[in-house]
Amino acid sequence: MLTLASHTKHPQKDALAMDLGLQDRPVSNITVNRVTAGFVLTDLRVDCSVDASLNPFEYHLQLMNRHELIDVKALKIAPGYVVYEE
């Protein structure tokens, strides 16, 4: 499951939430299979970076449950997703 919200660094959060249909709820949950998760996040232009560092005008959505998806290998292609190996 992917938990998406309007980008936290967008200067007009209320207008963005209204455009995305999120005015009555803070997040939207999308159920996808693990293999297609990276493609879905890319297609929806979701900022998957740890610190929401991608341009909020280009990426209107932000992945909120990134910490739950660390083991999903398909996220390697998602915008801003980087796995830090120790």
PDB file of N, CA and C in Angstrom:
ATOM      1  N   MET A   1       0.842  -1.177   0.000  1.00  0.00           N
ATOM      2  CA  MET A   1       0.000   0.000   0.000  1.00  0.00           C
ATOM      3  C   MET A   1       0.890   1.244   0.000  1.00  0.00           C
ATOM      4  N   LEU A   2       0.535   2.195  -0.830  1.00  0.00           N
ATOM      5  CA  LEU A   2       1.243   3.465  -0.905  1.00  0.00           C
ATOM      6  C   LEU A   2       0.376   4.525  -0.234  1.00  0.00           C
ATOM      7  N   THR A   3       0.967   5.283   0.668  1.00  0.00           N
ATOM      8  CA  THR A   3       0.257   6.376   1.325  1.00  0.00           C
ATOM      9  C   THR A   3       0.781   7.679   0.742  1.00  0.00           C
ATOM     10  N   LEU A   4      -0.095   8.404   0.053  1.00  0.00           N
ATOM     11  CA  LEU A   4       0.293   9.631  -0.643  1.00  0.00           C
ATOM     12  C   LEU A   4      -0.411  10.835  -0.034  1.00  0.00           C
ATOM     13  N   ALA A   5       0.289  11.952  -0.044  1.00  0.00           N
ATOM     14  CA  ALA A   5      -0.278  13.215   0.448  1.00  0.00           C
ATOM     15  C   ALA A   5       0.203  14.331  -0.461  1.00  0.00           C
ATOM     16  N   SER A   6      -0.425  15.478  -0.354  1.00  0.00           N
ATOM     17  CA  SER A   6       0.068  16.620  -1.124  1.00  0.00           C
ATOM     18  C   SER A   6       1.456  16.985  -0.591  1.00  0.00           C
ATOM     19  N   HIS A   7       2.298  17.488  -1.463  1.00  0.00           N
ATOM     20  CA  HIS A   7       3.697  17.761  -1.115  1.00  0.00           C
ATOM     21  C   HIS A   7       3.768  18.762   0.033  1.00  0.00           C
ATOM     22  N   THR A   8       4.510  18.398   1.074  1.00  0.00           N
ATOM     23  CA  THR A   8       4.584  19.230   2.279  1.00  0.00           C
ATOM     24  C   THR A   8       5.312  20.552   2.065  1.00  0.00           C
ATOM     25  N   LYS A   9       6.121  20.660   1.009  1.00  0.00           N
ATOM     26  CA  LYS A   9       6.868  21.892   0.769  1.00  0.00           C
ATOM     27  C   LYS A   9       6.230  22.791  -0.294  1.00  0.00           C
ATOM     28  N   HIS A  10       5.037  22.444  -0.722  1.00  0.00           N
ATOM     29  CA  HIS A  10       4.343  23.277  -1.709  1.00  0.00           C
ATOM     30  C   HIS A  10       3.811  24.515  -0.992  1.00  0.00           C
ATOM     31  N   PRO A  11       4.026  25.718  -1.538  1.00  0.00           N
ATOM     32  CA  PRO A  11       3.611  26.948  -0.849  1.00  0.00           C
ATOM     33  C   PRO A  11       2.096  27.120  -0.740  1.00  0.00           C
ATOM     34  N   GLN A  12       1.338  26.463  -1.583  1.00  0.00           N
ATOM     35  CA  GLN A  12      -0.128  26.593  -1.538  1.00  0.00           C
ATOM     36  C   GLN A  12      -0.749  25.227  -1.255  1.00  0.00           C
ATOM     37  N   LYS A  13      -0.489  24.725  -0.050  1.00  0.00           N
ATOM     38  CA  LYS A  13      -0.919  23.382   0.328  1.00  0.00           C
ATOM     39  C   LYS A  13      -2.425  23.187   0.237  1.00  0.00           C
ATOM     40  N   ASP A  14      -3.201  24.188   0.644  1.00  0.00           N
ATOM     41  CA  ASP A  14      -4.664  24.050   0.628  1.00  0.00           C
ATOM     42  C   ASP A  14      -5.197  23.943  -0.795  1.00  0.00           C
ATOM     43  N   ALA A  15      -4.695  24.765  -1.679  1.00  0.00           N
ATOM     44  CA  ALA A  15      -5.133  24.714  -3.077  1.00  0.00           C
ATOM     45  C   ALA A  15      -4.713  23.397  -3.720  1.00  0.00           C
ATOM     46  N   LEU A  16      -3.514  22.946  -3.409  1.00  0.00           N
ATOM     47  CA  LEU A  16      -3.028  21.680  -3.942  1.00  0.00           C
ATOM     48  C   LEU A  16      -3.876  20.517  -3.429  1.00  0.00           C
ATOM     49  N   ALA A  17      -4.189  20.512  -2.142  1.00  0.00           N
ATOM     50  CA  ALA A  17      -5.028  19.454  -1.574  1.00  0.00           C
ATOM     51  C   ALA A  17      -6.400  19.434  -2.236  1.00  0.00           C
ATOM     52  N   MET A  18      -6.954  20.605  -2.528  1.00  0.00           N
ATOM     53  CA  MET A  18      -8.244  20.670  -3.201  1.00  0.00           C
ATOM     54  C   MET A  18      -8.136  20.111  -4.627  1.00  0.00           C
ATOM     55  N   ASP A  19      -7.089  20.481  -5.337  1.00  0.00           N
ATOM     56  CA  ASP A  19      -6.879  19.980  -6.703  1.00  0.00           C
ATOM     57  C   ASP A  19      -6.734  18.465  -6.736  1.00  0.00           C
ATOM     58  N   LEU A  20      -6.117  17.911  -5.692  1.00  0.00           N
ATOM     59  CA  LEU A  20      -5.859  16.474  -5.640  1.00  0.00           C
ATOM     60  C   LEU A  20      -7.001  15.701  -4.986  1.00  0.00           C
ATOM     61  N   GLY A  21      -8.035  16.394  -4.547  1.00  0.00           N
ATOM     62  CA  GLY A  21      -9.162  15.722  -3.912  1.00  0.00           C
ATOM     63  C   GLY A  21      -8.868  15.270  -2.492  1.00  0.00           C
ATOM     64  N   LEU A  22      -7.962  15.961  -1.819  1.00  0.00           N
ATOM     65  CA  LEU A  22      -7.563  15.586  -0.463  1.00  0.00           C
ATOM     66  C   LEU A  22      -8.006  16.603   0.588  1.00  0.00           C
ATOM     67  N   GLN A  23      -9.001  17.420   0.294  1.00  0.00           N
ATOM     68  CA  GLN A  23      -9.383  18.452   1.250  1.00  0.00           C
ATOM     69  C   GLN A  23     -10.061  17.893   2.496  1.00  0.00           C
ATOM     70  N   ASP A  24     -10.722  16.742   2.424  1.00  0.00           N
ATOM     71  CA  ASP A  24     -11.402  16.162   3.581  1.00  0.00           C
ATOM     72  C   ASP A  24     -10.577  15.091   4.281  1.00  0.00           C
ATOM     73  N   ARG A  25      -9.411  14.786   3.742  1.00  0.00           N
ATOM     74  CA  ARG A  25      -8.564  13.758   4.328  1.00  0.00           C
ATOM     75  C   ARG A  25      -7.109  14.115   4.060  1.00  0.00           C
ATOM     76  N   PRO A  26      -6.226  13.810   4.984  1.00  0.00           N
ATOM     77  CA  PRO A  26      -4.821  14.214   4.814  1.00  0.00           C
ATOM     78  C   PRO A  26      -4.039  13.361   3.821  1.00  0.00           C
ATOM     79  N   VAL A  27      -4.433  12.098   3.664  1.00  0.00           N
ATOM     80  CA  VAL A  27      -3.685  11.199   2.770  1.00  0.00           C
ATOM     81  C   VAL A  27      -4.636  10.350   1.942  1.00  0.00           C
ATOM     82  N   SER A  28      -4.077   9.748   0.909  1.00  0.00           N
ATOM     83  CA  SER A  28      -4.805   8.794   0.080  1.00  0.00           C
ATOM     84  C   SER A  28      -3.994   7.508   0.035  1.00  0.00           C
ATOM     85  N   ASN A  29      -4.637   6.390   0.283  1.00  0.00           N
ATOM     86  CA  ASN A  29      -3.961   5.096   0.240  1.00  0.00           C
ATOM     87  C   ASN A  29      -4.287   4.404  -1.072  1.00  0.00           C
ATOM     88  N   ILE A  30      -3.245   3.925  -1.729  1.00  0.00           N
ATOM     89  CA  ILE A  30      -3.398   3.229  -2.995  1.00  0.00           C
ATOM     90  C   ILE A  30      -2.787   1.835  -2.833  1.00  0.00           C
ATOM     91  N   THR A  31      -3.561   0.829  -3.152  1.00  0.00           N
ATOM     92  CA  THR A  31      -3.067  -0.534  -3.079  1.00  0.00           C
ATOM     93  C   THR A  31      -2.521  -0.943  -4.441  1.00  0.00           C
ATOM     94  N   VAL A  32      -1.244  -1.280  -4.464  1.00  0.00           N
ATOM     95  CA  VAL A  32      -0.589  -1.739  -5.695  1.00  0.00           C
ATOM     96  C   VAL A  32       0.233  -2.972  -5.361  1.00  0.00           C
ATOM     97  N   ASN A  33       0.575  -3.712  -6.378  1.00  0.00           N
ATOM     98  CA  ASN A  33       1.422  -4.862  -6.116  1.00  0.00           C
ATOM     99  C   ASN A  33       2.879  -4.397  -6.079  1.00  0.00           C
ATOM    100  N   ARG A  34       3.709  -5.117  -5.352  1.00  0.00           N
ATOM    101  CA  ARG A  34       5.099  -4.716  -5.097  1.00  0.00           C
ATOM    102  C   ARG A  34       5.904  -4.507  -6.379  1.00  0.00           C
ATOM    103  N   VAL A  35       5.610  -5.275  -7.391  1.00  0.00           N
ATOM    104  CA  VAL A  35       6.362  -5.207  -8.641  1.00  0.00           C
ATOM    105  C   VAL A  35       6.076  -3.913  -9.397  1.00  0.00           C
ATOM    106  N   THR A  36       4.867  -3.405  -9.319  1.00  0.00           N
ATOM    107  CA  THR A  36       4.500  -2.206 -10.081  1.00  0.00           C
ATOM    108  C   THR A  36       4.583  -0.913  -9.264  1.00  0.00           C
ATOM    109  N   ALA A  37       4.927  -0.993  -7.994  1.00  0.00           N
ATOM    110  CA  ALA A  37       4.944   0.198  -7.135  1.00  0.00           C
ATOM    111  C   ALA A  37       5.817   1.323  -7.695  1.00  0.00           C
ATOM    112  N   GLY A  38       7.012   1.006  -8.144  1.00  0.00           N
ATOM    113  CA  GLY A  38       7.908   2.023  -8.691  1.00  0.00           C
ATOM    114  C   GLY A  38       7.351   2.689  -9.927  1.00  0.00           C
ATOM    115  N   PHE A  39       6.702   1.909 -10.784  1.00  0.00           N
ATOM    116  CA  PHE A  39       6.097   2.462 -11.998  1.00  0.00           C
ATOM    117  C   PHE A  39       4.934   3.386 -11.664  1.00  0.00           C
ATOM    118  N   VAL A  40       4.115   2.990 -10.694  1.00  0.00           N
ATOM    119  CA  VAL A  40       2.970   3.809 -10.296  1.00  0.00           C
ATOM    120  C   VAL A  40       3.453   5.139  -9.714  1.00  0.00           C
ATOM    121  N   LEU A  41       4.446   5.093  -8.850  1.00  0.00           N
ATOM    122  CA  LEU A  41       4.980   6.324  -8.246  1.00  0.00           C
ATOM    123  C   LEU A  41       5.609   7.240  -9.293  1.00  0.00           C
ATOM    124  N   THR A  42       6.259   6.659 -10.280  1.00  0.00           N
ATOM    125  CA  THR A  42       6.840   7.445 -11.365  1.00  0.00           C
ATOM    126  C   THR A  42       5.749   8.075 -12.219  1.00  0.00           C
ATOM    127  N   ASP A  43       4.758   7.281 -12.559  1.00  0.00           N
ATOM    128  CA  ASP A  43       3.653   7.755 -13.398  1.00  0.00           C
ATOM    129  C   ASP A  43       2.864   8.876 -12.718  1.00  0.00           C
ATOM    130  N   LEU A  44       2.666   8.756 -11.407  1.00  0.00           N
ATOM    131  CA  LEU A  44       1.929   9.785 -10.662  1.00  0.00           C
ATOM    132  C   LEU A  44       2.807  10.964 -10.253  1.00  0.00           C
ATOM    133  N   ARG A  45       4.110  10.866 -10.541  1.00  0.00           N
ATOM    134  CA  ARG A  45       5.081  11.913 -10.210  1.00  0.00           C
ATOM    135  C   ARG A  45       5.068  12.223  -8.715  1.00  0.00           C
ATOM    136  N   VAL A  46       5.373  11.186  -7.934  1.00  0.00           N
ATOM    137  CA  VAL A  46       5.381  11.274  -6.476  1.00  0.00           C
ATOM    138  C   VAL A  46       6.806  11.462  -5.978  1.00  0.00           C
ATOM    139  N   ASP A  47       7.016  12.444  -5.118  1.00  0.00           N
ATOM    140  CA  ASP A  47       8.319  12.672  -4.494  1.00  0.00           C
ATOM    141  C   ASP A  47       8.532  11.581  -3.444  1.00  0.00           C
ATOM    142  N   CYS A  48       9.529  10.728  -3.681  1.00  0.00           N
ATOM    143  CA  CYS A  48       9.808   9.606  -2.781  1.00  0.00           C
ATOM    144  C   CYS A  48      11.104   9.814  -2.008  1.00  0.00           C
ATOM    145  N   SER A  49      11.635  11.020  -2.027  1.00  0.00           N
ATOM    146  CA  SER A  49      12.883  11.292  -1.318  1.00  0.00           C
ATOM    147  C   SER A  49      12.639  11.329   0.186  1.00  0.00           C
ATOM    148  N   VAL A  50      13.700  11.120   0.938  1.00  0.00           N
ATOM    149  CA  VAL A  50      13.601  11.085   2.399  1.00  0.00           C
ATOM    150  C   VAL A  50      13.145  12.425   2.957  1.00  0.00           C
ATOM    151  N   ASP A  51      13.670  13.504   2.413  1.00  0.00           N
ATOM    152  CA  ASP A  51      13.411  14.839   2.962  1.00  0.00           C
ATOM    153  C   ASP A  51      12.531  15.711   2.071  1.00  0.00           C
ATOM    154  N   ALA A  52      11.779  15.100   1.187  1.00  0.00           N
ATOM    155  CA  ALA A  52      10.893  15.834   0.267  1.00  0.00           C
ATOM    156  C   ALA A  52      11.670  16.910  -0.487  1.00  0.00           C
ATOM    157  N   SER A  53      12.791  16.519  -1.060  1.00  0.00           N
ATOM    158  CA  SER A  53      13.698  17.486  -1.685  1.00  0.00           C
ATOM    159  C   SER A  53      13.417  17.751  -3.163  1.00  0.00           C
ATOM    160  N   LEU A  54      12.508  17.004  -3.779  1.00  0.00           N
ATOM    161  CA  LEU A  54      12.199  17.256  -5.185  1.00  0.00           C
ATOM    162  C   LEU A  54      11.295  18.475  -5.319  1.00  0.00           C
ATOM    163  N   ASN A  55      11.319  19.094  -6.473  1.00  0.00           N
ATOM    164  CA  ASN A  55      10.561  20.313  -6.735  1.00  0.00           C
ATOM    165  C   ASN A  55       9.055  20.090  -6.517  1.00  0.00           C
ATOM    166  N   PRO A  56       8.437  20.774  -5.545  1.00  0.00           N
ATOM    167  CA  PRO A  56       7.013  20.570  -5.261  1.00  0.00           C
ATOM    168  C   PRO A  56       6.091  21.055  -6.375  1.00  0.00           C
ATOM    169  N   PHE A  57       6.595  21.886  -7.281  1.00  0.00           N
ATOM    170  CA  PHE A  57       5.783  22.330  -8.412  1.00  0.00           C
ATOM    171  C   PHE A  57       5.748  21.265  -9.509  1.00  0.00           C
ATOM    172  N   GLU A  58       6.747  20.389  -9.503  1.00  0.00           N
ATOM    173  CA  GLU A  58       6.811  19.309 -10.475  1.00  0.00           C
ATOM    174  C   GLU A  58       6.245  18.009  -9.894  1.00  0.00           C
ATOM    175  N   TYR A  59       6.448  17.798  -8.608  1.00  0.00           N
ATOM    176  CA  TYR A  59       5.967  16.599  -7.907  1.00  0.00           C
ATOM    177  C   TYR A  59       4.944  17.040  -6.861  1.00  0.00           C
ATOM    178  N   HIS A  60       3.680  16.979  -7.193  1.00  0.00           N
ATOM    179  CA  HIS A  60       2.629  17.484  -6.309  1.00  0.00           C
ATOM    180  C   HIS A  60       2.316  16.541  -5.158  1.00  0.00           C
ATOM    181  N   LEU A  61       2.671  15.277  -5.307  1.00  0.00           N
ATOM    182  CA  LEU A  61       2.412  14.285  -4.264  1.00  0.00           C
ATOM    183  C   LEU A  61       3.705  13.871  -3.582  1.00  0.00           C
ATOM    184  N   GLN A  62       3.560  13.385  -2.348  1.00  0.00           N
ATOM    185  CA  GLN A  62       4.706  12.926  -1.575  1.00  0.00           C
ATOM    186  C   GLN A  62       4.370  11.569  -0.971  1.00  0.00           C
ATOM    187  N   LEU A  63       5.325  10.646  -1.021  1.00  0.00           N
ATOM    188  CA  LEU A  63       5.158   9.326  -0.417  1.00  0.00           C
ATOM    189  C   LEU A  63       5.347   9.458   1.086  1.00  0.00           C
ATOM    190  N   MET A  64       4.323   9.098   1.847  1.00  0.00           N
ATOM    191  CA  MET A  64       4.361   9.295   3.290  1.00  0.00           C
ATOM    192  C   MET A  64       4.787   8.046   4.071  1.00  0.00           C
ATOM    193  N   ASN A  65       4.675   6.873   3.481  1.00  0.00           N
ATOM    194  CA  ASN A  65       5.048   5.651   4.210  1.00  0.00           C
ATOM    195  C   ASN A  65       6.302   4.994   3.635  1.00  0.00           C
ATOM    196  N   ARG A  66       7.246   5.811   3.255  1.00  0.00           N
ATOM    197  CA  ARG A  66       8.496   5.336   2.665  1.00  0.00           C
ATOM    198  C   ARG A  66       9.194   4.342   3.585  1.00  0.00           C
ATOM    199  N   HIS A  67       9.172   4.593   4.876  1.00  0.00           N
ATOM    200  CA  HIS A  67       9.833   3.729   5.851  1.00  0.00           C
ATOM    201  C   HIS A  67       9.262   2.307   5.869  1.00  0.00           C
ATOM    202  N   GLU A  68       8.025   2.133   5.446  1.00  0.00           N
ATOM    203  CA  GLU A  68       7.396   0.811   5.415  1.00  0.00           C
ATOM    204  C   GLU A  68       7.746   0.041   4.130  1.00  0.00           C
ATOM    205  N   LEU A  69       8.355   0.715   3.166  1.00  0.00           N
ATOM    206  CA  LEU A  69       8.580   0.124   1.850  1.00  0.00           C
ATOM    207  C   LEU A  69      10.055  -0.098   1.530  1.00  0.00           C
ATOM    208  N   ILE A  70      10.895  -0.079   2.532  1.00  0.00           N
ATOM    209  CA  ILE A  70      12.341  -0.201   2.340  1.00  0.00           C
ATOM    210  C   ILE A  70      12.713  -1.482   1.588  1.00  0.00           C
ATOM    211  N   ASP A  71      11.986  -2.563   1.802  1.00  0.00           N
ATOM    212  CA  ASP A  71      12.334  -3.846   1.182  1.00  0.00           C
ATOM    213  C   ASP A  71      11.715  -4.054  -0.205  1.00  0.00           C
ATOM    214  N   VAL A  72      10.999  -3.060  -0.726  1.00  0.00           N
ATOM    215  CA  VAL A  72      10.375  -3.181  -2.044  1.00  0.00           C
ATOM    216  C   VAL A  72      11.397  -2.748  -3.095  1.00  0.00           C
ATOM    217  N   LYS A  73      11.969  -3.720  -3.780  1.00  0.00           N
ATOM    218  CA  LYS A  73      13.043  -3.454  -4.748  1.00  0.00           C
ATOM    219  C   LYS A  73      12.587  -2.626  -5.949  1.00  0.00           C
ATOM    220  N   ALA A  74      11.319  -2.695  -6.302  1.00  0.00           N
ATOM    221  CA  ALA A  74      10.799  -1.972  -7.462  1.00  0.00           C
ATOM    222  C   ALA A  74      10.801  -0.455  -7.258  1.00  0.00           C
ATOM    223  N   LEU A  75      11.018   0.003  -6.033  1.00  0.00           N
ATOM    224  CA  LEU A  75      11.024   1.445  -5.779  1.00  0.00           C
ATOM    225  C   LEU A  75      12.314   2.112  -6.252  1.00  0.00           C
ATOM    226  N   LYS A  76      13.281   1.330  -6.696  1.00  0.00           N
ATOM    227  CA  LYS A  76      14.544   1.901  -7.187  1.00  0.00           C
ATOM    228  C   LYS A  76      14.316   2.917  -8.297  1.00  0.00           C
ATOM    229  N   ILE A  77      13.233   2.765  -9.059  1.00  0.00           N
ATOM    230  CA  ILE A  77      12.972   3.679 -10.176  1.00  0.00           C
ATOM    231  C   ILE A  77      12.071   4.847  -9.790  1.00  0.00           C
ATOM    232  N   ALA A  78      11.580   4.870  -8.570  1.00  0.00           N
ATOM    233  CA  ALA A  78      10.681   5.943  -8.131  1.00  0.00           C
ATOM    234  C   ALA A  78      11.457   7.253  -7.970  1.00  0.00           C
ATOM    235  N   PRO A  79      10.827   8.378  -8.288  1.00  0.00           N
ATOM    236  CA  PRO A  79      11.506   9.685  -8.215  1.00  0.00           C
ATOM    237  C   PRO A  79      12.036  10.009  -6.817  1.00  0.00           C
ATOM    238  N   GLY A  80      13.346  10.207  -6.726  1.00  0.00           N
ATOM    239  CA  GLY A  80      13.956  10.613  -5.461  1.00  0.00           C
ATOM    240  C   GLY A  80      14.213   9.488  -4.488  1.00  0.00           C
ATOM    241  N   TYR A  81      13.832   8.262  -4.830  1.00  0.00           N
ATOM    242  CA  TYR A  81      14.016   7.135  -3.903  1.00  0.00           C
ATOM    243  C   TYR A  81      15.450   6.660  -3.953  1.00  0.00           C
ATOM    244  N   VAL A  82      16.131   6.711  -2.824  1.00  0.00           N
ATOM    245  CA  VAL A  82      17.510   6.250  -2.714  1.00  0.00           C
ATOM    246  C   VAL A  82      17.590   5.344  -1.512  1.00  0.00           C
ATOM    247  N   VAL A  83      18.243   4.197  -1.677  1.00  0.00           N
ATOM    248  CA  VAL A  83      18.451   3.284  -0.567  1.00  0.00           C
ATOM    249  C   VAL A  83      19.873   3.479  -0.089  1.00  0.00           C
ATOM    250  N   TYR A  84      20.024   3.777   1.188  1.00  0.00           N
ATOM    251  CA  TYR A  84      21.337   3.948   1.779  1.00  0.00           C
ATOM    252  C   TYR A  84      21.756   2.639   2.411  1.00  0.00           C
ATOM    253  N   GLU A  85      22.768   2.005   1.835  1.00  0.00           N
ATOM    254  CA  GLU A  85      23.243   0.732   2.368  1.00  0.00           C
ATOM    255  C   GLU A  85      24.412   0.992   3.288  1.00  0.00           C
ATOM    256  N   GLU A  86      24.410   0.244   4.384  1.00  0.00           N
ATOM    257  CA  GLU A  86      25.465   0.435   5.375  1.00  0.00           C
ATOM    258  C   GLU A  86      26.534  -0.611   5.222  1.00  0.00           C
TER     259      GLU A  86
END
